[in-house]
């Protein structure tokens, strides 16, 4: 469900939230996390980037509510946790060409062929993310499944993303990156993570 940010009343589908009112100047660098899980990335973002804003969308109600409570207790006003399906919420929450970045970390690979349409990097969702990003906006994609990563890199480049590391290339780990809850475990154990850093071209 989409909520009016003032009173939690349902938001009309032909209106968008006033992110400037909600986040102030931080809304100029508005970012989206799709699938916030246990909230490690969102909480890290809230602390490390107080001058920027993040909307974290999580489909599982329990996880979204736990993240919302942690943000409230810690006084982080620059991150908003919402529960719902990002495929439905994102085009209703954000105008085209307005997001500075979209973060997709460790999405379900949906192994069975009949489930491939549910992948977050199918043609429809890839195109949606591209449209929502502003020119030069970043897609930060991470997965621990190599086959999924290789499928994703081809699909995302085909839909129009510019690979900042070169065509077909994965991004190296940047120690300055904020890890998700899951990635923290992988960094500790040395388990490989495949990273993509792609951008919406300034001219499409």
Protein backbone atom coordinates (compact mmCIF):
# COMPACT_ATOMS: atom_id res chain seq x y z
CA UNK A 1 0.00 0.00 0.00
CA UNK A 2 1.10 3.57 -0.67
CA UNK A 3 0.71 6.00 2.17
CA UNK A 4 0.30 9.74 2.36
CA UNK A 5 3.40 10.79 4.24
CA UNK A 6 1.40 13.17 6.42
CA UNK A 7 -1.39 11.04 7.85
CA UNK A 8 -0.99 7.48 6.52
CA UNK A 9 -4.13 7.85 4.41
CA UNK A 10 -3.98 6.03 1.06
CA UNK A 11 -2.33 8.16 -1.59
CA UNK A 12 -4.21 8.75 -4.85
CA UNK A 13 -2.54 6.97 -7.72
CA UNK A 14 -2.20 10.16 -9.78
CA UNK A 15 -0.16 11.91 -7.08
CA UNK A 16 3.36 11.44 -5.83
CA UNK A 17 4.66 11.96 -2.28
CA UNK A 18 6.26 15.32 -1.59
CA UNK A 19 9.76 14.05 -0.93
CA UNK A 20 11.13 17.55 -0.43
CA UNK A 21 8.68 18.01 2.42
CA UNK A 22 9.52 14.61 3.89
CA UNK A 23 13.30 14.77 3.64
CA UNK A 24 14.16 18.43 3.12
CA UNK A 25 17.36 19.12 1.20
CA UNK A 26 18.33 15.44 1.41
CA UNK A 27 15.58 14.70 -1.14
CA UNK A 28 17.78 16.20 -3.86
CA UNK A 29 19.79 12.98 -3.69
CA UNK A 30 16.85 10.60 -3.24
CA UNK A 31 17.71 6.89 -3.49
CA UNK A 32 15.72 3.65 -3.47
CA UNK A 33 16.58 0.26 -2.00
CA UNK A 34 14.58 -2.65 -3.38
CA UNK A 35 14.42 -5.51 -0.89
CA UNK A 36 15.88 -4.11 2.33
CA UNK A 37 15.71 -7.46 4.15
CA UNK A 38 17.01 -7.20 7.71
CA UNK A 39 17.92 -3.56 7.11
CA UNK A 40 21.70 -3.63 7.31
CA UNK A 41 22.22 -1.44 4.25
CA UNK A 42 19.45 1.02 5.14
CA UNK A 43 20.71 1.47 8.69
CA UNK A 44 24.28 1.88 7.47
CA UNK A 45 23.13 4.43 4.92
CA UNK A 46 21.17 6.38 7.54
CA UNK A 47 24.27 6.75 9.70
CA UNK A 48 26.92 7.24 7.01
CA UNK A 49 24.99 9.55 4.67
CA UNK A 50 22.87 11.91 6.77
CA UNK A 51 22.73 14.44 3.94
CA UNK A 52 21.06 11.99 1.54
CA UNK A 53 17.67 10.27 1.59
CA UNK A 54 16.72 6.62 1.07
CA UNK A 55 13.38 4.90 0.66
CA UNK A 56 13.75 1.22 1.58
CA UNK A 57 11.02 -1.06 0.19
CA UNK A 58 10.66 -4.57 1.60
CA UNK A 59 7.96 -7.05 0.65
CA UNK A 60 7.98 -8.93 3.96
CA UNK A 61 5.91 -7.05 6.50
CA UNK A 62 7.88 -8.27 9.53
CA UNK A 63 11.22 -7.10 8.17
CA UNK A 64 9.85 -3.75 7.03
CA UNK A 65 8.30 -3.07 10.43
CA UNK A 66 11.47 -4.09 12.27
CA UNK A 67 13.50 -1.70 10.13
CA UNK A 68 10.99 1.11 10.67
CA UNK A 69 11.23 0.64 14.44
CA UNK A 70 15.04 0.62 14.42
CA UNK A 71 15.13 3.81 12.36
CA UNK A 72 12.73 5.49 14.76
CA UNK A 73 14.61 4.40 17.89
CA UNK A 74 17.93 5.57 16.45
CA UNK A 75 16.49 8.87 15.28
CA UNK A 76 17.31 8.42 11.60
CA UNK A 77 14.97 10.70 9.67
CA UNK A 78 16.74 10.37 6.31
CA UNK A 79 15.51 6.81 5.64
CA UNK A 80 11.90 5.72 5.19
CA UNK A 81 10.94 2.02 5.39
CA UNK A 82 7.91 0.90 3.40
CA UNK A 83 6.33 -2.53 3.02
CA UNK A 84 5.14 -3.72 -0.37
CA UNK A 85 6.07 -4.94 -3.82
CA UNK A 86 8.56 -2.55 -5.40
CA UNK A 87 7.28 -3.44 -8.86
CA UNK A 88 3.98 -1.82 -7.91
CA UNK A 89 5.17 0.84 -5.48
CA UNK A 90 8.14 2.35 -7.30
CA UNK A 91 6.26 3.85 -10.29
CA UNK A 92 3.69 5.32 -7.90
CA UNK A 93 6.23 6.71 -5.46
CA UNK A 94 8.74 8.30 -7.82
CA UNK A 95 8.52 10.41 -10.93
CA UNK A 96 10.57 9.32 -13.91
CA UNK A 97 14.11 10.64 -13.94
CA UNK A 98 14.26 11.62 -10.27
CA UNK A 99 16.27 8.96 -8.40
CA UNK A 100 19.98 9.42 -7.80
CA UNK A 101 20.51 5.69 -7.21
CA UNK A 102 18.73 2.36 -6.93
CA UNK A 103 20.18 -0.43 -4.79
CA UNK A 104 19.35 -4.09 -5.39
CA UNK A 105 21.26 -6.40 -3.08
CA UNK A 106 21.05 -10.20 -3.17
CA UNK A 107 17.65 -10.60 -4.83
CA UNK A 108 16.06 -14.04 -5.05
CA UNK A 109 17.43 -15.66 -8.25
CA UNK A 110 14.20 -17.62 -8.91
CA UNK A 111 15.95 -20.63 -10.41
CA UNK A 112 13.00 -22.31 -12.16
CA UNK A 113 12.44 -21.08 -15.71
CA UNK A 114 8.73 -20.52 -15.13
CA UNK A 115 9.64 -18.17 -12.28
CA UNK A 116 12.16 -16.08 -14.24
CA UNK A 117 9.49 -13.39 -14.77
CA UNK A 118 9.67 -12.71 -11.03
CA UNK A 119 13.34 -11.76 -11.17
CA UNK A 120 14.07 -8.14 -10.36
CA UNK A 121 16.15 -7.81 -13.49
CA UNK A 122 13.54 -9.00 -15.97
CA UNK A 123 12.95 -6.67 -18.93
CA UNK A 124 10.02 -4.84 -17.34
CA UNK A 125 11.73 -4.12 -14.01
CA UNK A 126 15.06 -3.28 -15.64
CA UNK A 127 13.31 -0.77 -17.87
CA UNK A 128 11.42 0.70 -14.91
CA UNK A 129 14.60 1.23 -12.90
CA UNK A 130 16.25 2.86 -15.91
CA UNK A 131 13.33 5.28 -16.31
CA UNK A 132 13.21 6.20 -12.64
CA UNK A 133 16.91 7.05 -12.46
CA UNK A 134 17.94 10.54 -13.40
CA UNK A 135 20.59 10.88 -16.15
CA UNK A 136 23.84 9.66 -14.63
CA UNK A 137 21.94 7.91 -11.82
CA UNK A 138 23.46 4.69 -10.46
CA UNK A 139 22.17 1.12 -10.27
CA UNK A 140 24.07 -0.71 -7.53
CA UNK A 141 23.43 -4.45 -7.97
CA UNK A 142 25.01 -7.20 -5.87
CA UNK A 143 24.47 -10.95 -5.76
CA UNK A 144 26.18 -14.08 -4.47
CA UNK A 145 24.93 -16.13 -7.44
CA UNK A 146 27.37 -15.98 -10.35
CA UNK A 147 24.95 -17.28 -12.98
CA UNK A 148 22.35 -14.73 -11.99
CA UNK A 149 24.98 -11.99 -12.12
CA UNK A 150 26.04 -12.96 -15.63
CA UNK A 151 22.43 -13.07 -16.82
CA UNK A 152 21.79 -9.70 -15.17
CA UNK A 153 24.75 -7.95 -16.72
CA UNK A 154 23.65 -8.92 -20.22
CA UNK A 155 20.02 -7.95 -19.66
CA UNK A 156 20.80 -4.63 -17.99
CA UNK A 157 23.25 -3.56 -20.67
CA UNK A 158 20.78 -4.55 -23.38
CA UNK A 159 17.99 -2.49 -21.84
CA UNK A 160 20.18 0.62 -21.97
CA UNK A 161 22.36 0.85 -18.87
CA UNK A 162 25.95 2.02 -19.18
CA UNK A 163 28.39 -0.29 -17.41
CA UNK A 164 30.77 1.96 -15.49
CA UNK A 165 33.41 -0.78 -15.41
CA UNK A 166 33.25 -1.58 -19.12
CA UNK A 167 30.92 -3.75 -21.15
CA UNK A 168 30.37 -7.15 -19.54
CA UNK A 169 32.57 -6.32 -16.55
CA UNK A 170 31.86 -6.69 -12.85
CA UNK A 171 32.79 -4.03 -10.34
CA UNK A 172 35.51 -4.60 -7.74
CA UNK A 173 34.73 -4.40 -4.06
CA UNK A 174 35.00 -0.87 -2.74
CA UNK A 175 35.79 -0.78 1.01
CA UNK A 176 33.80 2.47 1.20
CA UNK A 177 30.61 0.65 0.14
CA UNK A 178 27.92 0.13 2.75
CA UNK A 179 27.33 -3.63 3.13
CA UNK A 180 23.95 -5.21 3.64
CA UNK A 181 23.35 -7.60 6.55
CA UNK A 182 24.00 -10.55 4.25
CA UNK A 183 27.11 -9.06 2.68
CA UNK A 184 28.72 -8.50 6.06
CA UNK A 185 28.79 -12.27 6.52
CA UNK A 186 30.29 -12.79 3.08
CA UNK A 187 32.99 -10.22 3.67
CA UNK A 188 33.90 -11.98 6.91
CA UNK A 189 34.06 -15.44 5.33
CA UNK A 190 35.50 -14.47 1.95
CA UNK A 191 32.51 -15.76 -0.02
CA UNK A 192 32.47 -14.12 -3.47
CA UNK A 193 30.01 -11.39 -4.34
CA UNK A 194 29.38 -10.22 -7.90
CA UNK A 195 28.84 -6.47 -8.14
CA UNK A 196 27.50 -4.33 -10.94
CA UNK A 197 27.73 -0.56 -11.12
CA UNK A 198 25.66 0.74 -13.96
CA UNK A 199 24.30 4.15 -14.82
CA UNK A 200 21.51 5.67 -16.82
CA UNK A 201 23.31 7.36 -19.72
CA UNK A 202 23.10 11.13 -19.76
CA UNK A 203 21.82 10.84 -23.32
CA UNK A 204 19.53 7.96 -24.25
